Amino acid sequence: MNIFIINGAQVFAHSGGKLNKAITEWDKDFFSSDSKYDIRITDINTSYNPEKEVENFVWADVIIYHFPIWWFSLPHKLKEYLDHVLTVGHRKGLYYSDGRKMDNPNRNYGTAGLLQGKSYLVTSTWNAPAAAFTLEDEFFGQTSVDDGVLFGFHKMNAFLSLQRLESFHFHDVEKNLELERFESYRIQYLEHLKKTIGELKSESVIETHQ
């Protein structure tokens, strides 16, 4: 199984990207321990070739995105990366068109992605506590990360025909991430990988032997 990991934590102002770098290292340890996985990693803070990045998307069975939430959106360097790569990927493996036909332009928008059969997983890191999304009268109005701030991000991946795996979000990481909680998050995240990616691997083995 081919795993493409994108570390989208931009080094900027007071943000050093250390937590997302650590999460990427957890990925490396997890996938490197099993010879059935091959991994490629892109760090948006380093130079990249958009054509090569398109190749990584096409090569991957699973794409994993890691990034912090900045002002309720993606870091601008990650957005720039996606703008460049997805534009180059038009009719080169990522998507053919927007899916519509001239004879019925109101139907089938977003149905011409070319990454069918592939999946993606996203993690995000937040200053906001988890309770801000679940408690009545709190800031996010009981709207989850995935249905709210990341709604557009998930639609972007759906446009490429990627299948969404269950997300994992790290909350309250600026003011409340002592060593014990950091280690607890590591354990929870690795269990999440076992559950989501491990199940995919099992399914692929079953299909291979059918």
Protein backbone atom coordinates (compact mmCIF):
# COMPACT_ATOMS: atom_id res chain seq x y z
CA MET A 1 0.00 0.00 0.00
CA ASN A 2 1.38 3.40 -1.03
CA ILE A 3 1.05 6.21 1.52
CA PHE A 4 1.65 9.84 0.55
CA ILE A 5 2.00 12.18 3.56
CA ILE A 6 1.75 15.96 3.26
CA ASN A 7 3.05 17.97 6.20
CA GLY A 8 1.15 21.21 5.70
CA ALA A 9 2.40 22.96 8.85
CA GLN A 10 3.89 26.24 7.68
CA VAL A 11 6.74 27.80 9.63
CA PHE A 12 5.50 31.36 10.10
CA ALA A 13 5.50 34.04 12.84
CA HIS A 14 5.29 32.26 16.22
CA SER A 15 4.39 28.91 14.63
CA GLY A 16 7.29 26.52 14.24
CA GLY A 17 5.26 23.58 13.01
CA LYS A 18 6.72 21.28 15.66
CA LEU A 19 3.55 19.36 16.48
CA ASN A 20 2.67 18.53 12.88
CA LYS A 21 6.29 17.56 12.29
CA ALA A 22 6.01 15.18 15.25
CA ILE A 23 2.76 13.73 13.87
CA THR A 24 4.52 13.15 10.54
CA GLU A 25 7.28 11.32 12.42
CA TRP A 26 4.63 9.15 14.08
CA ASP A 27 3.44 8.25 10.58
CA LYS A 28 6.97 7.33 9.53
CA ASP A 29 7.43 5.06 12.53
CA PHE A 30 4.02 3.43 12.04
CA PHE A 31 4.33 2.72 8.32
CA SER A 32 8.05 1.88 8.31
CA SER A 33 7.42 -0.96 10.76
CA ASP A 34 5.46 -2.89 8.10
CA SER A 35 7.09 -3.81 4.80
CA LYS A 36 3.69 -3.80 3.11
CA TYR A 37 3.70 0.01 3.20
CA ASP A 38 5.70 2.37 0.99
CA ILE A 39 5.72 6.03 1.98
CA ARG A 40 6.52 9.36 0.38
CA ILE A 41 6.52 12.64 2.31
CA THR A 42 6.22 16.25 1.20
CA ASP A 43 6.90 19.17 3.54
CA ILE A 44 5.38 22.38 2.18
CA ASN A 45 8.22 24.42 3.70
CA THR A 46 10.69 22.90 1.25
CA SER A 47 10.84 23.37 -2.51
CA TYR A 48 8.70 21.06 -4.61
CA ASN A 49 7.90 20.35 -8.24
CA PRO A 50 4.12 20.45 -8.88
CA GLU A 51 4.41 17.80 -11.60
CA LYS A 52 6.19 15.45 -9.19
CA GLU A 53 3.54 16.16 -6.56
CA VAL A 54 0.82 15.17 -9.03
CA GLU A 55 2.73 11.91 -9.53
CA ASN A 56 2.68 11.39 -5.76
CA PHE A 57 -1.11 11.79 -5.64
CA VAL A 58 -1.55 9.34 -8.51
CA TRP A 59 0.94 6.88 -6.97
CA ALA A 60 -0.71 6.86 -3.56
CA ASP A 61 -3.39 4.53 -2.30
CA VAL A 62 -3.86 6.79 0.73
CA ILE A 63 -3.04 10.50 1.06
CA ILE A 64 -2.58 11.85 4.59
CA TYR A 65 -2.77 15.60 5.21
CA HIS A 66 -1.42 17.18 8.40
CA PHE A 67 -1.89 20.89 9.09
CA PRO A 68 -2.76 23.47 11.75
CA ILE A 69 -5.85 25.65 11.48
CA TRP A 70 -4.95 29.29 11.03
CA TRP A 71 -7.78 31.77 11.37
CA PHE A 72 -10.31 29.02 10.62
CA SER A 73 -8.63 27.96 7.38
CA LEU A 74 -5.51 26.34 5.92
CA PRO A 75 -2.04 27.91 6.23
CA HIS A 76 -1.50 30.04 3.14
CA LYS A 77 1.53 28.05 1.97
CA LEU A 78 -0.51 24.84 2.04
CA LYS A 79 -3.27 26.55 0.07
CA GLU A 80 -0.64 27.72 -2.44
CA TYR A 81 0.69 24.15 -2.70
CA LEU A 82 -2.78 22.80 -3.44
CA ASP A 83 -3.49 25.59 -5.95
CA HIS A 84 -0.32 24.75 -7.88
CA VAL A 85 -0.59 20.96 -7.72
CA LEU A 86 -4.29 20.67 -8.47
CA THR A 87 -4.01 23.08 -11.38
CA VAL A 88 -1.17 21.05 -12.91
CA GLY A 89 -3.15 17.86 -12.28
CA HIS A 90 -5.94 18.83 -14.69
CA ARG A 91 -6.23 15.95 -17.20
CA LYS A 92 -2.92 14.60 -15.87
CA GLY A 93 -4.28 12.17 -13.32
CA LEU A 94 -6.19 14.22 -10.73
CA TYR A 95 -9.39 15.28 -12.53
CA TYR A 96 -10.59 15.46 -16.11
CA SER A 97 -13.11 18.31 -15.87
CA ASP A 98 -15.83 19.55 -13.52
CA GLY A 99 -18.02 16.66 -14.67
CA ARG A 100 -20.77 18.63 -16.43
CA LYS A 101 -21.90 18.26 -20.04
CA MET A 102 -23.06 21.03 -22.34
CA ASP A 103 -26.46 19.42 -22.86
CA ASN A 104 -27.25 19.54 -19.11
CA PRO A 105 -24.93 22.04 -17.37
CA ASN A 106 -26.85 21.98 -14.08
CA ARG A 107 -26.10 18.33 -13.34
CA ASN A 108 -23.10 16.19 -12.37
CA TYR A 109 -20.79 18.94 -11.14
CA GLY A 110 -17.80 17.45 -9.31
CA THR A 111 -18.03 13.97 -10.84
CA ALA A 112 -14.94 13.86 -13.08
CA GLY A 113 -12.21 13.16 -10.55
CA LEU A 114 -9.63 10.59 -11.59
CA LEU A 115 -8.54 9.22 -8.19
CA GLN A 116 -11.29 6.64 -7.75
CA GLY A 117 -10.41 3.80 -5.43
CA LYS A 118 -8.00 5.95 -3.42
CA SER A 119 -8.56 7.43 0.05
CA TYR A 120 -7.45 10.35 2.17
CA LEU A 121 -7.15 11.08 5.87
CA VAL A 122 -6.78 14.51 7.44
CA THR A 123 -5.52 15.64 10.82
CA SER A 124 -5.75 19.20 12.06
CA THR A 125 -4.31 20.93 15.10
CA TRP A 126 -6.22 23.57 17.03
CA ASN A 127 -5.88 26.07 19.83
CA ALA A 128 -9.66 25.66 20.30
CA PRO A 129 -10.74 22.95 22.78
CA ALA A 130 -12.91 20.07 21.58
CA ALA A 131 -15.77 21.33 23.75
CA ALA A 132 -15.99 24.51 21.63
CA PHE A 133 -17.50 22.31 18.89
CA THR A 134 -19.89 20.26 21.01
CA LEU A 135 -21.32 22.41 23.80
CA GLU A 136 -24.46 24.44 23.29
CA ASP A 137 -23.88 28.20 23.02
CA GLU A 138 -20.15 27.74 22.42
CA PHE A 139 -18.29 29.37 19.52
CA PHE A 140 -18.84 26.78 16.75
CA GLY A 141 -22.55 26.26 17.37
CA GLN A 142 -22.27 22.49 17.84
CA THR A 143 -20.87 22.12 14.32
CA SER A 144 -18.01 19.64 13.95
CA VAL A 145 -14.63 20.46 12.42
CA ASP A 146 -15.40 18.32 9.37
CA ASP A 147 -18.87 19.75 8.76
CA GLY A 148 -17.77 23.31 9.45
CA VAL A 149 -14.26 24.70 8.95
CA LEU A 150 -13.10 21.74 6.82
CA PHE A 151 -16.25 21.38 4.71
CA GLY A 152 -14.59 22.97 1.67
CA PHE A 153 -11.42 20.94 2.14
CA HIS A 154 -13.41 17.71 2.07
CA LYS A 155 -15.26 18.85 -1.06
CA MET A 156 -11.89 19.54 -2.72
CA ASN A 157 -10.90 15.92 -2.14
CA ALA A 158 -14.31 14.66 -3.27
CA PHE A 159 -13.81 16.62 -6.51
CA LEU A 160 -10.78 14.37 -7.12
CA SER A 161 -12.97 11.31 -6.35
CA LEU A 162 -11.01 10.50 -3.19
CA GLN A 163 -12.77 8.49 -0.48
CA ARG A 164 -12.79 10.16 2.92
CA LEU A 165 -11.45 8.26 5.92
CA GLU A 166 -12.30 9.28 9.46
CA SER A 167 -10.43 12.44 10.48
CA PHE A 168 -8.40 12.97 13.64
CA HIS A 169 -8.26 16.42 15.24
CA PHE A 170 -5.87 17.60 17.96
CA HIS A 171 -7.47 20.23 20.20
CA ASP A 172 -6.23 22.76 22.76
CA VAL A 173 -2.61 22.27 21.74
CA GLU A 174 -1.26 25.77 22.41
CA LYS A 175 -2.21 26.32 26.04
CA ASN A 176 -2.66 22.75 27.22
CA LEU A 177 -0.19 20.29 25.71
CA GLU A 178 1.99 19.04 28.52
CA LEU A 179 4.13 15.94 27.97
CA GLU A 180 1.56 13.49 29.38
CA ARG A 181 -1.19 14.80 27.09
CA PHE A 182 1.18 14.84 24.12
CA GLU A 183 1.93 11.14 24.70
CA SER A 184 -1.77 10.38 25.08
CA TYR A 185 -2.44 12.02 21.72
CA ARG A 186 0.34 9.96 20.14
CA ILE A 187 -1.20 6.71 21.37
CA GLN A 188 -4.70 7.74 20.27
CA TYR A 189 -3.49 8.74 16.83
CA LEU A 190 -1.55 5.51 16.25
CA GLU A 191 -4.66 3.56 17.25
CA HIS A 192 -6.60 5.64 14.74
CA LEU A 193 -4.13 4.68 12.00
CA LYS A 194 -4.46 1.02 12.93
CA LYS A 195 -8.23 1.28 12.71
CA THR A 196 -8.52 3.26 9.47
CA ILE A 197 -5.47 2.31 7.38
CA GLY A 198 -5.24 -1.19 8.84
CA GLU A 199 -8.83 -1.92 7.82
CA LEU A 200 -8.10 -0.68 4.30
CA LYS A 201 -5.10 -2.99 4.07
CA SER A 202 -7.21 -5.93 5.23
CA GLU A 203 -9.86 -5.14 2.63
CA SER A 204 -7.24 -5.00 -0.14
CA VAL A 205 -5.86 -8.38 0.91
CA ILE A 206 -9.36 -9.89 0.78
CA GLU A 207 -10.00 -8.41 -2.69
CA THR A 208 -6.65 -9.74 -3.93
CA HIS A 209 -7.57 -13.27 -2.92
CA GLN A 210 -11.14 -13.25 -4.22
